[in-house]
Amino acid sequence: MTLQAEPSHTGGCQCGAVRFRIHGTLGRASVCHCRMCQKAFGGLYAPLVNLGTAEIVWMKREPKRFRSSNHVSRGFCPDCGTPLTYEAPDGMALAIGAFDDPSRLAPQIQFGIEGKLPYVDGISQLPAHTSTDDATDNDYLADIVSFQHPDREMPGEAPGDARHP
């Protein structure tokens, strides 16, 4: 009999100062349109996935936290500012875009729709261009070099002692 490996995910911030590894099954993925989430992410909405029954191991260091309300703290990288967590009395959620493979975490529900911006649903109908298309209009993009941490674990990124069940 072959044992199945438990699900595992990795991710972190843009600069790599905060990295995480998830062991176990994550909860439901969602987007939240409330104004607090819009501001926290600097975006149109916050794509999040509940930690569920999974365990998170912070590698290197934990995020810094900002208490955005009397019940919620939000974790972010203190070096590059990447939004990472939503932490409430009912558990933690992680920013889907911070995962090394966010394609595995499709949102299943929307929250805070009273704050949903009126043009969000029409975004998929806008003209679309690839990054290569954009480079033809902007010369500086032809030789751009990313300083972001790659979407994978790097040698020497061993799990740290900080844990959050």
Protein backbone atom coordinates (compact mmCIF):
# COMPACT_ATOMS: atom_id res chain seq x y z
CA MET A 1 0.00 0.00 0.00
CA THR A 2 1.38 3.41 -0.99
CA LEU A 3 0.85 6.36 1.32
CA GLN A 4 -0.25 9.58 -0.34
CA ALA A 5 1.79 12.64 0.53
CA GLU A 6 -0.20 15.38 2.23
CA PRO A 7 -0.75 18.53 0.19
CA SER A 8 2.06 21.06 0.35
CA HIS A 9 2.37 24.65 -0.82
CA THR A 10 5.12 27.25 -0.62
CA GLY A 11 5.14 30.99 -1.07
CA GLY A 12 6.30 34.31 0.22
CA CYS A 13 6.81 37.98 -0.45
CA GLN A 14 8.39 39.76 -3.41
CA CYS A 15 11.84 40.10 -1.87
CA GLY A 16 12.04 36.66 -0.22
CA ALA A 17 12.51 37.95 3.33
CA VAL A 18 9.27 36.22 4.41
CA ARG A 19 8.67 32.70 3.08
CA PHE A 20 6.19 30.05 4.16
CA ARG A 21 5.48 26.37 3.68
CA ILE A 22 2.00 24.91 4.12
CA HIS A 23 1.48 21.29 5.17
CA GLY A 24 -2.01 19.84 4.93
CA THR A 25 -5.25 20.77 3.27
CA LEU A 26 -6.08 24.44 2.84
CA GLY A 27 -9.62 25.75 3.32
CA ARG A 28 -11.78 27.66 0.86
CA ALA A 29 -10.30 30.27 -1.47
CA SER A 30 -12.18 33.55 -1.87
CA VAL A 31 -12.01 37.17 -2.87
CA CYS A 32 -13.11 39.96 -0.57
CA HIS A 33 -14.33 43.25 -2.01
CA CYS A 34 -14.71 45.16 1.28
CA ARG A 35 -12.99 48.53 1.49
CA MET A 36 -10.61 47.36 4.24
CA CYS A 37 -9.32 44.55 2.00
CA GLN A 38 -9.06 46.88 -1.00
CA LYS A 39 -6.84 49.21 1.02
CA ALA A 40 -4.81 46.41 2.62
CA PHE A 41 -3.97 44.94 -0.79
CA GLY A 42 -3.84 48.21 -2.69
CA GLY A 43 -6.09 46.47 -5.19
CA LEU A 44 -9.63 46.01 -6.41
CA TYR A 45 -10.17 43.10 -4.00
CA ALA A 46 -8.23 40.70 -1.77
CA PRO A 47 -7.74 37.14 -3.05
CA LEU A 48 -7.35 34.93 0.03
CA VAL A 49 -7.31 31.25 0.98
CA ASN A 50 -8.16 30.01 4.45
CA LEU A 51 -5.47 28.07 6.25
CA GLY A 52 -8.16 25.55 7.19
CA THR A 53 -6.68 22.48 8.90
CA ALA A 54 -3.27 23.02 7.32
CA GLU A 55 -0.21 24.11 9.27
CA ILE A 56 1.99 27.01 8.24
CA VAL A 57 5.72 27.09 8.88
CA TRP A 58 7.39 30.47 8.51
CA MET A 59 10.84 30.14 6.99
CA LYS A 60 13.44 32.83 7.81
CA ARG A 61 11.01 35.20 9.60
CA GLU A 62 7.36 35.92 10.24
CA PRO A 63 5.49 38.81 8.68
CA LYS A 64 5.04 42.08 10.54
CA ARG A 65 1.43 42.70 11.50
CA PHE A 66 -0.87 45.71 11.34
CA ARG A 67 -4.04 45.67 13.41
CA SER A 68 -6.59 46.89 10.85
CA SER A 69 -9.59 46.58 13.19
CA ASN A 70 -10.50 45.51 16.69
CA HIS A 71 -10.69 41.88 15.46
CA VAL A 72 -8.27 41.59 12.53
CA SER A 73 -4.52 41.80 12.00
CA ARG A 74 -2.91 41.75 8.57
CA GLY A 75 0.56 40.38 7.97
CA PHE A 76 2.97 41.86 5.46
CA CYS A 77 6.68 41.79 4.67
CA PRO A 78 8.42 44.56 6.61
CA ASP A 79 11.03 44.89 3.84
CA CYS A 80 9.01 45.01 0.59
CA GLY A 81 5.45 45.49 1.87
CA THR A 82 3.85 42.48 0.19
CA PRO A 83 0.44 41.69 1.79
CA LEU A 84 0.54 38.12 3.17
CA THR A 85 -2.10 37.34 5.80
CA TYR A 86 -5.55 38.14 7.12
CA GLU A 87 -5.75 37.00 10.76
CA ALA A 88 -9.12 36.96 12.55
CA PRO A 89 -10.55 35.14 15.58
CA ASP A 90 -11.80 32.36 13.27
CA GLY A 91 -8.36 31.72 11.74
CA MET A 92 -5.78 32.84 9.25
CA ALA A 93 -6.08 33.37 5.51
CA LEU A 94 -3.17 33.87 3.13
CA ALA A 95 -2.86 36.03 0.03
CA ILE A 96 -3.32 33.76 -2.99
CA GLY A 97 -0.87 35.82 -5.04
CA ALA A 98 1.87 35.15 -2.47
CA PHE A 99 1.86 31.40 -3.24
CA ASP A 100 4.53 30.08 -5.60
CA ASP A 101 1.75 28.44 -7.65
CA PRO A 102 -1.41 30.54 -7.22
CA SER A 103 -3.08 28.71 -10.13
CA ARG A 104 -3.87 25.85 -7.72
CA LEU A 105 -6.07 28.13 -5.55
CA ALA A 106 -9.09 29.24 -7.56
CA PRO A 107 -11.55 31.38 -5.57
CA GLN A 108 -14.86 29.68 -4.80
CA ILE A 109 -16.80 32.55 -3.19
CA GLN A 110 -16.87 36.36 -2.92
CA PHE A 111 -17.26 38.34 0.30
CA GLY A 112 -17.85 42.03 1.03
CA ILE A 113 -19.71 42.57 -2.23
CA GLU A 114 -21.20 45.82 -0.88
CA GLY A 115 -17.74 47.30 -1.57
CA LYS A 116 -17.35 45.70 -5.01
CA LEU A 117 -16.26 48.32 -7.52
CA PRO A 118 -18.75 48.66 -10.38
CA TYR A 119 -16.24 47.90 -13.14
CA VAL A 120 -14.66 44.73 -11.70
CA ASP A 121 -16.94 42.31 -13.58
CA GLY A 122 -16.10 43.96 -16.91
CA ILE A 123 -12.30 43.62 -16.60
CA SER A 124 -12.23 40.35 -18.55
CA GLN A 125 -13.83 42.19 -21.49
CA LEU A 126 -11.06 44.82 -21.75
CA PRO A 127 -8.48 44.60 -24.54
CA ALA A 128 -5.66 42.29 -23.44
CA HIS A 129 -1.94 42.26 -24.23
CA THR A 130 0.94 40.00 -23.23
CA SER A 131 4.04 41.33 -21.50
CA THR A 132 5.88 40.86 -24.79
CA ASP A 133 3.34 43.12 -26.52
CA ASP A 134 3.96 45.77 -23.87
CA ALA A 135 7.72 45.58 -24.42
CA THR A 136 7.33 46.68 -28.04
CA ASP A 137 5.78 49.94 -26.81
CA ASN A 138 8.18 50.45 -23.89
CA ASP A 139 11.84 50.01 -24.79
CA TYR A 140 13.00 49.71 -21.17
CA LEU A 141 11.02 46.45 -20.79
CA ALA A 142 13.14 44.67 -23.42
CA ASP A 143 16.01 44.11 -20.98
CA ILE A 144 14.21 44.26 -17.64
CA VAL A 145 15.71 42.15 -14.85
CA SER A 146 13.41 41.11 -12.00
CA PHE A 147 14.73 41.44 -8.45
CA GLN A 148 11.75 39.54 -7.06
CA HIS A 149 12.27 36.25 -5.26
CA PRO A 150 11.60 33.37 -7.68
CA ASP A 151 8.44 31.29 -7.29
CA ARG A 152 10.25 28.38 -5.66
CA GLU A 153 12.29 27.56 -2.60
CA MET A 154 15.95 28.44 -2.84
CA PRO A 155 18.91 26.55 -1.38
CA GLY A 156 19.44 27.49 2.25
CA GLU A 157 15.77 28.34 2.91
CA ALA A 158 15.28 25.96 5.79
CA PRO A 159 12.11 26.12 7.87
CA GLY A 160 12.49 28.31 10.93
CA ASP A 161 11.18 27.80 14.45
CA ALA A 162 8.19 30.12 14.08
CA ARG A 163 4.97 28.17 13.65
CA HIS A 164 1.32 29.08 13.54
CA PRO A 165 -1.14 26.18 13.81
